[in-house]
Protein backbone atom coordinates (compact mmCIF):
# COMPACT_ATOMS: atom_id res chain seq x y z
CA MET A 1 -33.23 107.70 41.45
CA THR A 2 -34.20 104.43 40.57
CA SER A 3 -37.18 102.84 38.86
CA LYS A 4 -37.05 99.08 38.71
CA LYS A 5 -36.85 98.88 35.20
CA ASP A 6 -33.52 99.82 35.41
CA PHE A 7 -33.42 96.39 36.87
CA SER A 8 -35.13 94.28 34.38
CA PRO A 9 -33.46 91.25 33.42
CA GLN A 10 -33.21 92.79 30.04
CA ASN A 11 -31.41 95.32 31.15
CA ILE A 12 -29.20 93.62 33.10
CA VAL A 13 -28.49 91.41 30.15
CA ARG A 14 -28.03 94.24 27.22
CA ILE A 15 -25.63 95.57 30.35
CA LEU A 16 -23.48 92.55 30.28
CA GLN A 17 -23.77 92.17 26.57
CA LYS A 18 -22.02 95.79 25.87
CA LEU A 19 -19.37 94.61 28.28
CA GLU A 20 -18.64 91.41 26.91
CA ASP A 21 -18.64 93.61 23.85
CA GLY A 22 -16.32 96.68 25.03
CA ILE A 23 -14.11 94.08 26.66
CA LEU A 24 -13.16 91.81 23.50
CA ILE A 25 -13.07 95.21 21.12
CA GLY A 26 -10.62 96.80 24.01
CA LEU A 27 -8.46 94.07 24.08
CA LEU A 28 -9.15 93.44 20.04
CA LEU A 29 -7.31 97.17 19.70
CA LEU A 30 -4.12 96.52 23.07
CA MET A 31 -3.66 93.65 20.80
CA ILE A 32 -3.60 95.12 17.13
CA PHE A 33 -1.80 98.53 18.59
CA ILE A 34 1.34 96.20 21.48
CA ALA A 35 1.75 93.94 17.87
CA VAL A 36 1.97 97.81 15.52
CA LEU A 37 4.35 98.99 18.20
CA GLN A 38 6.76 96.04 18.47
CA ILE A 39 6.89 96.40 14.34
CA PHE A 40 7.56 99.86 14.51
CA LEU A 41 9.92 99.13 17.34
CA ARG A 42 12.29 96.75 15.79
CA ASN A 43 11.73 98.13 12.19
CA LEU A 44 12.95 101.50 12.65
CA PHE A 45 15.69 100.84 16.69
CA ASN A 46 16.06 97.51 16.16
CA SER A 47 14.67 97.29 19.19
CA GLY A 48 11.19 95.62 21.05
CA ILE A 49 8.92 95.19 24.33
CA LEU A 50 10.75 92.09 26.31
CA TRP A 51 6.81 91.32 26.68
CA GLY A 52 4.84 92.52 24.17
CA ASP A 53 5.00 89.36 22.39
CA PRO A 54 3.81 87.59 24.91
CA LEU A 55 0.83 89.64 25.80
CA VAL A 56 -0.34 89.02 22.26
CA ARG A 57 -0.03 85.48 22.47
CA VAL A 58 -2.85 85.90 25.65
CA LEU A 59 -4.45 88.30 23.97
CA VAL A 60 -4.96 85.77 21.13
CA LEU A 61 -6.70 82.90 24.06
CA TRP A 62 -8.62 85.49 25.39
CA ILE A 63 -10.22 87.64 22.48
CA GLY A 64 -10.50 83.78 20.99
CA LEU A 65 -12.57 82.93 24.02
CA ILE A 66 -14.13 86.22 24.89
CA GLY A 67 -15.60 86.09 20.96
CA ALA A 68 -16.74 82.33 21.81
CA MET A 69 -19.09 83.93 24.48
CA VAL A 70 -20.18 86.22 22.21
CA ALA A 71 -21.46 84.01 19.81
CA SER A 72 -23.45 81.38 22.07
CA ARG A 73 -25.64 84.80 23.46
CA ASN A 74 -27.49 84.31 20.14
CA ASP A 75 -26.50 80.68 19.86
CA HIS A 76 -24.12 81.78 17.05
CA HIS A 77 -21.52 79.46 17.32
CA ILE A 78 -20.20 77.28 14.53
CA SER A 79 -22.20 73.91 13.65
CA ILE A 80 -22.65 71.40 11.45
CA ASP A 81 -25.86 71.02 9.89
CA VAL A 82 -26.43 68.99 6.85
CA LEU A 83 -28.61 66.23 8.21
CA SER A 84 -31.04 69.12 9.93
CA ARG A 85 -31.05 71.23 6.39
CA TYR A 86 -33.83 67.66 5.87
CA LEU A 87 -35.13 67.47 9.19
CA PRO A 88 -38.70 67.82 10.05
CA ASP A 89 -39.42 70.90 11.12
CA GLN A 90 -40.16 68.71 14.49
CA ILE A 91 -37.19 66.56 14.89
CA LYS A 92 -35.21 69.63 14.27
CA LYS A 93 -36.38 71.14 16.56
CA LEU A 94 -35.80 68.23 18.76
CA SER A 95 -32.41 68.01 17.46
CA HIS A 96 -31.94 71.37 18.32
CA LEU A 97 -32.75 70.69 21.89
CA MET A 98 -30.22 68.05 22.07
CA ILE A 99 -27.28 70.26 20.60
CA SER A 100 -27.90 72.82 23.22
CA LEU A 101 -28.41 69.87 25.90
CA PHE A 102 -24.91 68.42 25.22
CA THR A 103 -22.87 71.61 24.46
CA THR A 104 -23.95 72.30 28.30
CA MET A 105 -22.80 69.17 29.38
CA VAL A 106 -19.53 69.64 27.29
CA CYS A 107 -18.49 73.24 28.10
CA ALA A 108 -19.30 72.01 31.97
CA VAL A 109 -16.71 69.34 31.35
CA MET A 110 -14.32 72.27 29.63
CA ALA A 111 -15.03 75.29 32.53
CA TYR A 112 -14.36 72.08 35.57
CA TYR A 113 -11.34 70.67 34.07
CA SER A 114 -10.25 74.16 32.84
CA ILE A 115 -10.55 75.22 36.96
CA VAL A 116 -8.05 72.25 37.60
CA PHE A 117 -5.76 73.62 35.40
CA VAL A 118 -5.63 77.11 36.48
CA ILE A 119 -5.22 76.13 39.93
CA MET A 120 -2.48 73.48 39.33
CA GLU A 121 -0.91 76.63 37.39
CA LYS A 122 -1.55 78.52 40.27
CA ASP A 123 0.51 76.04 42.20
CA ALA A 124 3.34 76.18 40.15
CA GLY A 125 3.70 79.61 40.31
CA LEU A 126 5.55 79.99 36.96
CA ILE A 127 5.17 83.89 35.34
CA ALA A 128 3.84 84.45 31.63
CA PHE A 129 5.53 87.74 31.55
CA ALA A 130 6.20 91.17 33.35
CA THR A 131 4.91 90.20 36.53
CA ILE A 132 1.85 88.17 35.33
CA PRO A 133 1.62 84.54 36.60
CA THR A 134 0.21 81.43 33.81
CA TRP A 135 -2.82 80.99 35.63
CA VAL A 136 -3.86 84.78 35.34
CA CYS A 137 -3.83 85.22 31.98
CA GLU A 138 -5.34 80.90 32.02
CA SER A 139 -8.37 82.58 33.75
CA ILE A 140 -10.19 83.36 30.71
CA ILE A 141 -10.47 79.60 30.44
CA PRO A 142 -12.84 78.45 32.89
CA VAL A 143 -14.96 81.68 32.78
CA SER A 144 -15.77 81.21 29.57
CA PHE A 145 -16.63 77.76 29.18
CA ALA A 146 -19.03 78.60 32.50
CA ILE A 147 -20.39 81.09 30.80
CA ILE A 148 -21.21 78.94 27.59
CA SER A 149 -22.66 76.12 29.33
CA PHE A 150 -24.94 78.31 31.38
CA ARG A 151 -25.76 79.42 27.81
CA TYR A 152 -26.50 76.40 26.22
CA LEU A 153 -28.60 75.20 29.63
CA ILE A 154 -30.90 77.75 29.33
CA PHE A 155 -31.40 77.82 25.70
CA PHE A 156 -32.16 73.99 26.27
CA PHE A 157 -34.74 74.89 28.47
CA THR A 158 -36.20 77.65 26.94
CA GLY A 159 -36.64 75.41 24.31
CA LEU A 160 -38.16 72.51 26.40
CA ASN A 161 -40.22 75.15 27.44
CA LYS A 162 -42.08 76.01 23.92
CA LEU A 163 -41.89 72.19 23.25
CA PHE A 164 -43.99 71.52 25.89
CA LYS A 165 -45.83 74.36 25.62
CA ARG A 166 -46.83 73.72 22.07
CA ILE A 167 -47.86 69.12 23.03
CA SER A 168 -50.12 70.92 25.80
CA GLN A 169 -51.62 73.33 23.45
């Protein structure tokens, strides 16, 4: 029997984070395995897996975008914060809010246009490798940008909530 605690938001988030981590690790191991297998087959048998190199390229795309999703869950994206080091705390918090909102908007636009792109690729009916359509390989693009956008929207509203709580006190 499951309790209400099993379905708490914290547990669901923790499960989703472990799922993200597991997918990232699994894809990285698969990419390393395919790349090493290709090297082994080429050097010892003068052959290789015909679709091995395209698969590795697609795995690099997936690993990069899932890695960006993982980085976004704790707001650990690359940032240039030369100015923020010299700003007063209140202005620094406000600038972080604006950066979160800007990141939300940019990633939402990227998600939208990447959906348009994936639909165009599906309509074109192209094959990436083996029998895998290109749109399947590229489907991680809108998914990852949508998730990153959603996370930064949460960061924005969380920061806004903290800012209003401080002002009202």
